[in-house]
Amino acid sequence: MVVVVAIAKLVEGKGEEYEEEFKKVAPRVRKELGVITYVLQRSIKNPNQFLWYEKYESDEAFKDHMVSPLHKQFQKNTGRFVLDASIDLY
């Protein structure tokens, strides 16, 4: 099993667009083979910061997601919003 915890710090005022893009892809990502959990949570104290929590059945499932068309589309649509990001795998 692989758990992903990521923090994304966004450009001021882009949080709503970021969340909308997530809502577009999340239902389909959750149906990908090996995806157990796929959640985005906005910080209460800092509305420009988001926490990603993802859980995959295996390292292979995680890697498959990272090269999936859905992931690539999300990155293309939101990459310009992200000032900084950190990712930890467990």
PDB file of N, CA and C in Angstrom:
ATOM      1  N   MET A   1       0.842  -1.174   0.000  1.00  0.00           N
ATOM      2  CA  MET A   1       0.000   0.000   0.000  1.00  0.00           C
ATOM      3  C   MET A   1       0.892   1.243   0.000  1.00  0.00           C
ATOM      4  N   VAL A   2       0.439   2.271  -0.696  1.00  0.00           N
ATOM      5  CA  VAL A   2       1.143   3.553  -0.734  1.00  0.00           C
ATOM      6  C   VAL A   2       0.162   4.641  -0.317  1.00  0.00           C
ATOM      7  N   VAL A   3       0.598   5.476   0.625  1.00  0.00           N
ATOM      8  CA  VAL A   3      -0.181   6.641   1.043  1.00  0.00           C
ATOM      9  C   VAL A   3       0.602   7.879   0.635  1.00  0.00           C
ATOM     10  N   VAL A   4      -0.103   8.817   0.014  1.00  0.00           N
ATOM     11  CA  VAL A   4       0.497  10.076  -0.430  1.00  0.00           C
ATOM     12  C   VAL A   4      -0.095  11.196   0.409  1.00  0.00           C
ATOM     13  N   VAL A   5       0.787  12.019   0.985  1.00  0.00           N
ATOM     14  CA  VAL A   5       0.375  13.231   1.677  1.00  0.00           C
ATOM     15  C   VAL A   5       1.141  14.372   1.024  1.00  0.00           C
ATOM     16  N   ALA A   6       0.398  15.295   0.456  1.00  0.00           N
ATOM     17  CA  ALA A   6       1.033  16.410  -0.253  1.00  0.00           C
ATOM     18  C   ALA A   6       0.415  17.725   0.207  1.00  0.00           C
ATOM     19  N   ILE A   7       1.223  18.755   0.200  1.00  0.00           N
ATOM     20  CA  ILE A   7       0.779  20.110   0.519  1.00  0.00           C
ATOM     21  C   ILE A   7       1.056  20.971  -0.709  1.00  0.00           C
ATOM     22  N   ALA A   8       0.039  21.682  -1.153  1.00  0.00           N
ATOM     23  CA  ALA A   8       0.190  22.609  -2.282  1.00  0.00           C
ATOM     24  C   ALA A   8      -0.135  24.017  -1.807  1.00  0.00           C
ATOM     25  N   LYS A   9       0.794  24.934  -2.054  1.00  0.00           N
ATOM     26  CA  LYS A   9       0.580  26.342  -1.738  1.00  0.00           C
ATOM     27  C   LYS A   9       0.324  27.064  -3.054  1.00  0.00           C
ATOM     28  N   LEU A  10      -0.817  27.755  -3.108  1.00  0.00           N
ATOM     29  CA  LEU A  10      -1.285  28.334  -4.363  1.00  0.00           C
ATOM     30  C   LEU A  10      -1.099  29.844  -4.439  1.00  0.00           C
ATOM     31  N   VAL A  11      -1.163  30.324  -5.658  1.00  0.00           N
ATOM     32  CA  VAL A  11      -1.206  31.752  -5.925  1.00  0.00           C
ATOM     33  C   VAL A  11      -2.473  32.303  -5.256  1.00  0.00           C
ATOM     34  N   GLU A  12      -2.352  33.460  -4.650  1.00  0.00           N
ATOM     35  CA  GLU A  12      -3.494  34.124  -3.999  1.00  0.00           C
ATOM     36  C   GLU A  12      -4.701  34.167  -4.931  1.00  0.00           C
ATOM     37  N   GLY A  13      -5.842  33.729  -4.424  1.00  0.00           N
ATOM     38  CA  GLY A  13      -7.086  33.829  -5.164  1.00  0.00           C
ATOM     39  C   GLY A  13      -7.375  32.720  -6.158  1.00  0.00           C
ATOM     40  N   LYS A  14      -6.540  31.683  -6.217  1.00  0.00           N
ATOM     41  CA  LYS A  14      -6.754  30.602  -7.189  1.00  0.00           C
ATOM     42  C   LYS A  14      -7.346  29.336  -6.569  1.00  0.00           C
ATOM     43  N   GLY A  15      -7.664  29.386  -5.291  1.00  0.00           N
ATOM     44  CA  GLY A  15      -8.180  28.208  -4.607  1.00  0.00           C
ATOM     45  C   GLY A  15      -9.491  27.687  -5.159  1.00  0.00           C
ATOM     46  N   GLU A  16     -10.397  28.576  -5.503  1.00  0.00           N
ATOM     47  CA  GLU A  16     -11.697  28.132  -6.032  1.00  0.00           C
ATOM     48  C   GLU A  16     -11.524  27.381  -7.352  1.00  0.00           C
ATOM     49  N   GLU A  17     -10.702  27.924  -8.233  1.00  0.00           N
ATOM     50  CA  GLU A  17     -10.451  27.258  -9.522  1.00  0.00           C
ATOM     51  C   GLU A  17      -9.784  25.904  -9.314  1.00  0.00           C
ATOM     52  N   TYR A  18      -8.842  25.857  -8.373  1.00  0.00           N
ATOM     53  CA  TYR A  18      -8.131  24.616  -8.063  1.00  0.00           C
ATOM     54  C   TYR A  18      -9.123  23.551  -7.596  1.00  0.00           C
ATOM     55  N   GLU A  19     -10.001  23.933  -6.683  1.00  0.00           N
ATOM     56  CA  GLU A  19     -11.008  22.991  -6.186  1.00  0.00           C
ATOM     57  C   GLU A  19     -11.955  22.543  -7.292  1.00  0.00           C
ATOM     58  N   GLU A  20     -12.349  23.446  -8.162  1.00  0.00           N
ATOM     59  CA  GLU A  20     -13.250  23.090  -9.262  1.00  0.00           C
ATOM     60  C   GLU A  20     -12.596  22.081 -10.212  1.00  0.00           C
ATOM     61  N   GLU A  21     -11.324  22.270 -10.496  1.00  0.00           N
ATOM     62  CA  GLU A  21     -10.613  21.310 -11.349  1.00  0.00           C
ATOM     63  C   GLU A  21     -10.541  19.948 -10.671  1.00  0.00           C
ATOM     64  N   PHE A  22     -10.308  19.942  -9.357  1.00  0.00           N
ATOM     65  CA  PHE A  22     -10.281  18.685  -8.609  1.00  0.00           C
ATOM     66  C   PHE A  22     -11.634  17.979  -8.722  1.00  0.00           C
ATOM     67  N   LYS A  23     -12.707  18.723  -8.531  1.00  0.00           N
ATOM     68  CA  LYS A  23     -14.051  18.137  -8.586  1.00  0.00           C
ATOM     69  C   LYS A  23     -14.354  17.533  -9.949  1.00  0.00           C
ATOM     70  N   LYS A  24     -13.738  18.068 -10.990  1.00  0.00           N
ATOM     71  CA  LYS A  24     -13.949  17.532 -12.342  1.00  0.00           C
ATOM     72  C   LYS A  24     -13.317  16.149 -12.504  1.00  0.00           C
ATOM     73  N   VAL A  25     -12.137  15.954 -11.924  1.00  0.00           N
ATOM     74  CA  VAL A  25     -11.416  14.700 -12.143  1.00  0.00           C
ATOM     75  C   VAL A  25     -11.591  13.669 -11.027  1.00  0.00           C
ATOM     76  N   ALA A  26     -11.896  14.120  -9.818  1.00  0.00           N
ATOM     77  CA  ALA A  26     -11.902  13.216  -8.663  1.00  0.00           C
ATOM     78  C   ALA A  26     -12.796  11.982  -8.825  1.00  0.00           C
ATOM     79  N   PRO A  27     -14.040  12.121  -9.290  1.00  0.00           N
ATOM     80  CA  PRO A  27     -14.870  10.912  -9.405  1.00  0.00           C
ATOM     81  C   PRO A  27     -14.276   9.862 -10.345  1.00  0.00           C
ATOM     82  N   ARG A  28     -13.622  10.318 -11.410  1.00  0.00           N
ATOM     83  CA  ARG A  28     -13.017   9.363 -12.355  1.00  0.00           C
ATOM     84  C   ARG A  28     -11.725   8.783 -11.799  1.00  0.00           C
ATOM     85  N   VAL A  29     -10.934   9.600 -11.091  1.00  0.00           N
ATOM     86  CA  VAL A  29      -9.703   9.084 -10.486  1.00  0.00           C
ATOM     87  C   VAL A  29     -10.040   8.010  -9.466  1.00  0.00           C
ATOM     88  N   ARG A  30     -11.077   8.236  -8.692  1.00  0.00           N
ATOM     89  CA  ARG A  30     -11.464   7.264  -7.658  1.00  0.00           C
ATOM     90  C   ARG A  30     -11.865   5.916  -8.244  1.00  0.00           C
ATOM     91  N   LYS A  31     -12.159   5.886  -9.529  1.00  0.00           N
ATOM     92  CA  LYS A  31     -12.513   4.635 -10.206  1.00  0.00           C
ATOM     93  C   LYS A  31     -11.301   3.954 -10.852  1.00  0.00           C
ATOM     94  N   GLU A  32     -10.139   4.609 -10.836  1.00  0.00           N
ATOM     95  CA  GLU A  32      -8.939   4.001 -11.404  1.00  0.00           C
ATOM     96  C   GLU A  32      -8.576   2.749 -10.605  1.00  0.00           C
ATOM     97  N   LEU A  33      -8.036   1.783 -11.302  1.00  0.00           N
ATOM     98  CA  LEU A  33      -7.615   0.538 -10.676  1.00  0.00           C
ATOM     99  C   LEU A  33      -6.588   0.818  -9.578  1.00  0.00           C
ATOM    100  N   GLY A  34      -6.854   0.337  -8.377  1.00  0.00           N
ATOM    101  CA  GLY A  34      -5.901   0.456  -7.283  1.00  0.00           C
ATOM    102  C   GLY A  34      -6.033   1.714  -6.442  1.00  0.00           C
ATOM    103  N   VAL A  35      -6.950   2.614  -6.778  1.00  0.00           N
ATOM    104  CA  VAL A  35      -7.143   3.822  -5.975  1.00  0.00           C
ATOM    105  C   VAL A  35      -8.111   3.498  -4.840  1.00  0.00           C
ATOM    106  N   ILE A  36      -7.662   3.741  -3.605  1.00  0.00           N
ATOM    107  CA  ILE A  36      -8.490   3.500  -2.428  1.00  0.00           C
ATOM    108  C   ILE A  36      -9.107   4.811  -1.937  1.00  0.00           C
ATOM    109  N   THR A  37      -8.284   5.846  -1.844  1.00  0.00           N
ATOM    110  CA  THR A  37      -8.722   7.152  -1.340  1.00  0.00           C
ATOM    111  C   THR A  37      -8.089   8.249  -2.174  1.00  0.00           C
ATOM    112  N   TYR A  38      -8.871   9.286  -2.454  1.00  0.00           N
ATOM    113  CA  TYR A  38      -8.376  10.425  -3.244  1.00  0.00           C
ATOM    114  C   TYR A  38      -9.115  11.660  -2.741  1.00  0.00           C
ATOM    115  N   VAL A  39      -8.464  12.436  -1.860  1.00  0.00           N
ATOM    116  CA  VAL A  39      -9.112  13.534  -1.160  1.00  0.00           C
ATOM    117  C   VAL A  39      -8.260  14.798  -1.248  1.00  0.00           C
ATOM    118  N   LEU A  40      -8.933  15.928  -1.420  1.00  0.00           N
ATOM    119  CA  LEU A  40      -8.301  17.244  -1.366  1.00  0.00           C
ATOM    120  C   LEU A  40      -8.992  18.031  -0.268  1.00  0.00           C
ATOM    121  N   GLN A  41      -8.204  18.639   0.622  1.00  0.00           N
ATOM    122  CA  GLN A  41      -8.766  19.405   1.730  1.00  0.00           C
ATOM    123  C   GLN A  41      -8.117  20.780   1.783  1.00  0.00           C
ATOM    124  N   ARG A  42      -8.934  21.819   1.867  1.00  0.00           N
ATOM    125  CA  ARG A  42      -8.444  23.196   1.940  1.00  0.00           C
ATOM    126  C   ARG A  42      -8.170  23.567   3.391  1.00  0.00           C
ATOM    127  N   SER A  43      -7.062  24.264   3.621  1.00  0.00           N
ATOM    128  CA  SER A  43      -6.708  24.702   4.963  1.00  0.00           C
ATOM    129  C   SER A  43      -7.733  25.711   5.492  1.00  0.00           C
ATOM    130  N   ILE A  44      -8.083  25.565   6.755  1.00  0.00           N
ATOM    131  CA  ILE A  44      -8.995  26.512   7.398  1.00  0.00           C
ATOM    132  C   ILE A  44      -8.283  27.831   7.668  1.00  0.00           C
ATOM    133  N   LYS A  45      -7.017  27.757   8.083  1.00  0.00           N
ATOM    134  CA  LYS A  45      -6.256  28.970   8.426  1.00  0.00           C
ATOM    135  C   LYS A  45      -5.706  29.690   7.210  1.00  0.00           C
ATOM    136  N   ASN A  46      -5.376  28.936   6.161  1.00  0.00           N
ATOM    137  CA  ASN A  46      -4.764  29.538   4.970  1.00  0.00           C
ATOM    138  C   ASN A  46      -5.501  29.029   3.729  1.00  0.00           C
ATOM    139  N   PRO A  47      -6.425  29.814   3.190  1.00  0.00           N
ATOM    140  CA  PRO A  47      -7.231  29.340   2.051  1.00  0.00           C
ATOM    141  C   PRO A  47      -6.441  29.131   0.764  1.00  0.00           C
ATOM    142  N   ASN A  48      -5.165  29.484   0.766  1.00  0.00           N
ATOM    143  CA  ASN A  48      -4.321  29.252  -0.402  1.00  0.00           C
ATOM    144  C   ASN A  48      -3.476  27.986  -0.257  1.00  0.00           C
ATOM    145  N   GLN A  49      -3.761  27.194   0.773  1.00  0.00           N
ATOM    146  CA  GLN A  49      -3.007  25.954   1.009  1.00  0.00           C
ATOM    147  C   GLN A  49      -3.962  24.763   1.016  1.00  0.00           C
ATOM    148  N   PHE A  50      -3.533  23.689   0.337  1.00  0.00           N
ATOM    149  CA  PHE A  50      -4.343  22.480   0.212  1.00  0.00           C
ATOM    150  C   PHE A  50      -3.540  21.259   0.620  1.00  0.00           C
ATOM    151  N   LEU A  51      -4.240  20.301   1.229  1.00  0.00           N
ATOM    152  CA  LEU A  51      -3.658  19.015   1.595  1.00  0.00           C
ATOM    153  C   LEU A  51      -4.272  17.953   0.702  1.00  0.00           C
ATOM    154  N   TRP A  52      -3.413  17.160   0.089  1.00  0.00           N
ATOM    155  CA  TRP A  52      -3.837  15.990  -0.683  1.00  0.00           C
ATOM    156  C   TRP A  52      -3.605  14.765   0.186  1.00  0.00           C
ATOM    157  N   TYR A  53      -4.601  13.867   0.227  1.00  0.00           N
ATOM    158  CA  TYR A  53      -4.446  12.585   0.891  1.00  0.00           C
ATOM    159  C   TYR A  53      -4.926  11.527  -0.088  1.00  0.00           C
ATOM    160  N   GLU A  54      -4.000  10.672  -0.473  1.00  0.00           N
ATOM    161  CA  GLU A  54      -4.312   9.636  -1.458  1.00  0.00           C
ATOM    162  C   GLU A  54      -3.801   8.295  -0.943  1.00  0.00           C
ATOM    163  N   LYS A  55      -4.547   7.243  -1.213  1.00  0.00           N
ATOM    164  CA  LYS A  55      -4.129   5.901  -0.815  1.00  0.00           C
ATOM    165  C   LYS A  55      -4.323   4.973  -2.012  1.00  0.00           C
ATOM    166  N   TYR A  56      -3.285   4.181  -2.283  1.00  0.00           N
ATOM    167  CA  TYR A  56      -3.277   3.253  -3.414  1.00  0.00           C
ATOM    168  C   TYR A  56      -2.977   1.853  -2.912  1.00  0.00           C
ATOM    169  N   GLU A  57      -3.511   0.856  -3.605  1.00  0.00           N
ATOM    170  CA  GLU A  57      -3.290  -0.545  -3.221  1.00  0.00           C
ATOM    171  C   GLU A  57      -1.827  -0.957  -3.333  1.00  0.00           C
ATOM    172  N   SER A  58      -1.098  -0.309  -4.247  1.00  0.00           N
ATOM    173  CA  SER A  58       0.290  -0.708  -4.479  1.00  0.00           C
ATOM    174  C   SER A  58       1.087   0.447  -5.081  1.00  0.00           C
ATOM    175  N   ASP A  59       2.380   0.274  -5.100  1.00  0.00           N
ATOM    176  CA  ASP A  59       3.259   1.252  -5.740  1.00  0.00           C
ATOM    177  C   ASP A  59       2.936   1.350  -7.231  1.00  0.00           C
ATOM    178  N   GLU A  60       2.615   0.220  -7.832  1.00  0.00           N
ATOM    179  CA  GLU A  60       2.263   0.201  -9.256  1.00  0.00           C
ATOM    180  C   GLU A  60       1.006   1.038  -9.526  1.00  0.00           C
ATOM    181  N   ALA A  61      -0.002   0.920  -8.654  1.00  0.00           N
ATOM    182  CA  ALA A  61      -1.236   1.705  -8.823  1.00  0.00           C
ATOM    183  C   ALA A  61      -0.943   3.196  -8.716  1.00  0.00           C
ATOM    184  N   PHE A  62      -0.081   3.569  -7.770  1.00  0.00           N
ATOM    185  CA  PHE A  62       0.314   4.972  -7.628  1.00  0.00           C
ATOM    186  C   PHE A  62       1.034   5.455  -8.883  1.00  0.00           C
ATOM    187  N   LYS A  63       1.988   4.683  -9.349  1.00  0.00           N
ATOM    188  CA  LYS A  63       2.732   5.068 -10.554  1.00  0.00           C
ATOM    189  C   LYS A  63       1.811   5.172 -11.768  1.00  0.00           C
ATOM    190  N   ASP A  64       0.861   4.257 -11.883  1.00  0.00           N
ATOM    191  CA  ASP A  64      -0.101   4.313 -12.992  1.00  0.00           C
ATOM    192  C   ASP A  64      -0.912   5.603 -12.940  1.00  0.00           C
ATOM    193  N   HIS A  65      -1.318   5.994 -11.738  1.00  0.00           N
ATOM    194  CA  HIS A  65      -2.074   7.239 -11.601  1.00  0.00           C
ATOM    195  C   HIS A  65      -1.230   8.440 -12.032  1.00  0.00           C
ATOM    196  N   MET A  66       0.021   8.443 -11.645  1.00  0.00           N
ATOM    197  CA  MET A  66       0.884   9.595 -11.935  1.00  0.00           C
ATOM    198  C   MET A  66       1.098   9.815 -13.428  1.00  0.00           C
ATOM    199  N   VAL A  67       0.930   8.794 -14.237  1.00  0.00           N
ATOM    200  CA  VAL A  67       1.082   8.943 -15.692  1.00  0.00           C
ATOM    201  C   VAL A  67      -0.266   8.874 -16.422  1.00  0.00           C
ATOM    202  N   SER A  68      -1.343   8.870 -15.657  1.00  0.00           N
ATOM    203  CA  SER A  68      -2.671   8.757 -16.265  1.00  0.00           C
ATOM    204  C   SER A  68      -3.072  10.058 -16.970  1.00  0.00           C
ATOM    205  N   PRO A  69      -3.915   9.962 -17.975  1.00  0.00           N
ATOM    206  CA  PRO A  69      -4.417  11.162 -18.655  1.00  0.00           C
ATOM    207  C   PRO A  69      -5.128  12.120 -17.704  1.00  0.00           C
ATOM    208  N   LEU A  70      -5.847  11.602 -16.712  1.00  0.00           N
ATOM    209  CA  LEU A  70      -6.542  12.471 -15.761  1.00  0.00           C
ATOM    210  C   LEU A  70      -5.557  13.300 -14.942  1.00  0.00           C
ATOM    211  N   HIS A  71      -4.502  12.651 -14.461  1.00  0.00           N
ATOM    212  CA  HIS A  71      -3.493  13.366 -13.677  1.00  0.00           C
ATOM    213  C   HIS A  71      -2.796  14.415 -14.549  1.00  0.00           C
ATOM    214  N   LYS A  72      -2.447  14.037 -15.745  1.00  0.00           N
ATOM    215  CA  LYS A  72      -1.775  14.978 -16.650  1.00  0.00           C
ATOM    216  C   LYS A  72      -2.668  16.170 -16.976  1.00  0.00           C
ATOM    217  N   GLN A  73      -3.958  15.920 -17.171  1.00  0.00           N
ATOM    218  CA  GLN A  73      -4.897  17.009 -17.467  1.00  0.00           C
ATOM    219  C   GLN A  73      -5.038  17.950 -16.276  1.00  0.00           C
ATOM    220  N   PHE A  74      -5.133  17.384 -15.071  1.00  0.00           N
ATOM    221  CA  PHE A  74      -5.225  18.213 -13.872  1.00  0.00           C
ATOM    222  C   PHE A  74      -3.982  19.086 -13.738  1.00  0.00           C
ATOM    223  N   GLN A  75      -2.820  18.484 -13.934  1.00  0.00           N
ATOM    224  CA  GLN A  75      -1.562  19.247 -13.840  1.00  0.00           C
ATOM    225  C   GLN A  75      -1.523  20.370 -14.880  1.00  0.00           C
ATOM    226  N   LYS A  76      -1.954  20.063 -16.075  1.00  0.00           N
ATOM    227  CA  LYS A  76      -1.964  21.066 -17.151  1.00  0.00           C
ATOM    228  C   LYS A  76      -2.890  22.232 -16.793  1.00  0.00           C
ATOM    229  N   ASN A  77      -4.051  21.906 -16.236  1.00  0.00           N
ATOM    230  CA  ASN A  77      -5.047  22.934 -15.925  1.00  0.00           C
ATOM    231  C   ASN A  77      -4.738  23.739 -14.669  1.00  0.00           C
ATOM    232  N   THR A  78      -3.939  23.195 -13.754  1.00  0.00           N
ATOM    233  CA  THR A  78      -3.724  23.864 -12.462  1.00  0.00           C
ATOM    234  C   THR A  78      -2.270  24.182 -12.138  1.00  0.00           C
ATOM    235  N   GLY A  79      -1.350  23.697 -12.924  1.00  0.00           N
ATOM    236  CA  GLY A  79       0.067  23.888 -12.621  1.00  0.00           C
ATOM    237  C   GLY A  79       0.463  25.338 -12.406  1.00  0.00           C
ATOM    238  N   ARG A  80      -0.150  26.229 -13.127  1.00  0.00           N
ATOM    239  CA  ARG A  80       0.191  27.657 -13.006  1.00  0.00           C
ATOM    240  C   ARG A  80      -0.304  28.264 -11.692  1.00  0.00           C
ATOM    241  N   PHE A  81      -1.187  27.560 -10.972  1.00  0.00           N
ATOM    242  CA  PHE A  81      -1.698  28.049  -9.695  1.00  0.00           C
ATOM    243  C   PHE A  81      -0.768  27.732  -8.526  1.00  0.00           C
ATOM    244  N   VAL A  82       0.119  26.760  -8.697  1.00  0.00           N
ATOM    245  CA  VAL A  82       0.918  26.222  -7.582  1.00  0.00           C
ATOM    246  C   VAL A  82       2.241  26.984  -7.463  1.00  0.00           C
ATOM    247  N   LEU A  83       2.435  27.587  -6.271  1.00  0.00           N
ATOM    248  CA  LEU A  83       3.687  28.267  -5.976  1.00  0.00           C
ATOM    249  C   LEU A  83       4.731  27.309  -5.419  1.00  0.00           C
ATOM    250  N   ASP A  84       4.254  26.366  -4.598  1.00  0.00           N
ATOM    251  CA  ASP A  84       5.170  25.416  -3.934  1.00  0.00           C
ATOM    252  C   ASP A  84       4.381  24.168  -3.586  1.00  0.00           C
ATOM    253  N   ALA A  85       5.052  23.042  -3.587  1.00  0.00           N
ATOM    254  CA  ALA A  85       4.407  21.785  -3.219  1.00  0.00           C
ATOM    255  C   ALA A  85       5.414  20.852  -2.575  1.00  0.00           C
ATOM    256  N   SER A  86       4.937  20.070  -1.625  1.00  0.00           N
ATOM    257  CA  SER A  86       5.755  19.023  -1.026  1.00  0.00           C
ATOM    258  C   SER A  86       4.940  17.734  -1.026  1.00  0.00           C
ATOM    259  N   ILE A  87       5.622  16.624  -1.258  1.00  0.00           N
ATOM    260  CA  ILE A  87       4.957  15.327  -1.333  1.00  0.00           C
ATOM    261  C   ILE A  87       5.731  14.325  -0.496  1.00  0.00           C
ATOM    262  N   ASP A  88       5.015  13.596   0.347  1.00  0.00           N
ATOM    263  CA  ASP A  88       5.600  12.511   1.126  1.00  0.00           C
ATOM    264  C   ASP A  88       4.848  11.232   0.834  1.00  0.00           C
ATOM    265  N   LEU A  89       5.594  10.146   0.709  1.00  0.00           N
ATOM    266  CA  LEU A  89       5.010   8.819   0.475  1.00  0.00           C
ATOM    267  C   LEU A  89       5.219   7.980   1.721  1.00  0.00           C
ATOM    268  N   TYR A  90       4.196   7.230   2.080  1.00  0.00           N
ATOM    269  CA  TYR A  90       4.259   6.388   3.273  1.00  0.00           C
ATOM    270  C   TYR A  90       3.878   4.968   2.902  1.00  0.00           C
TER     271      TYR A  90
END
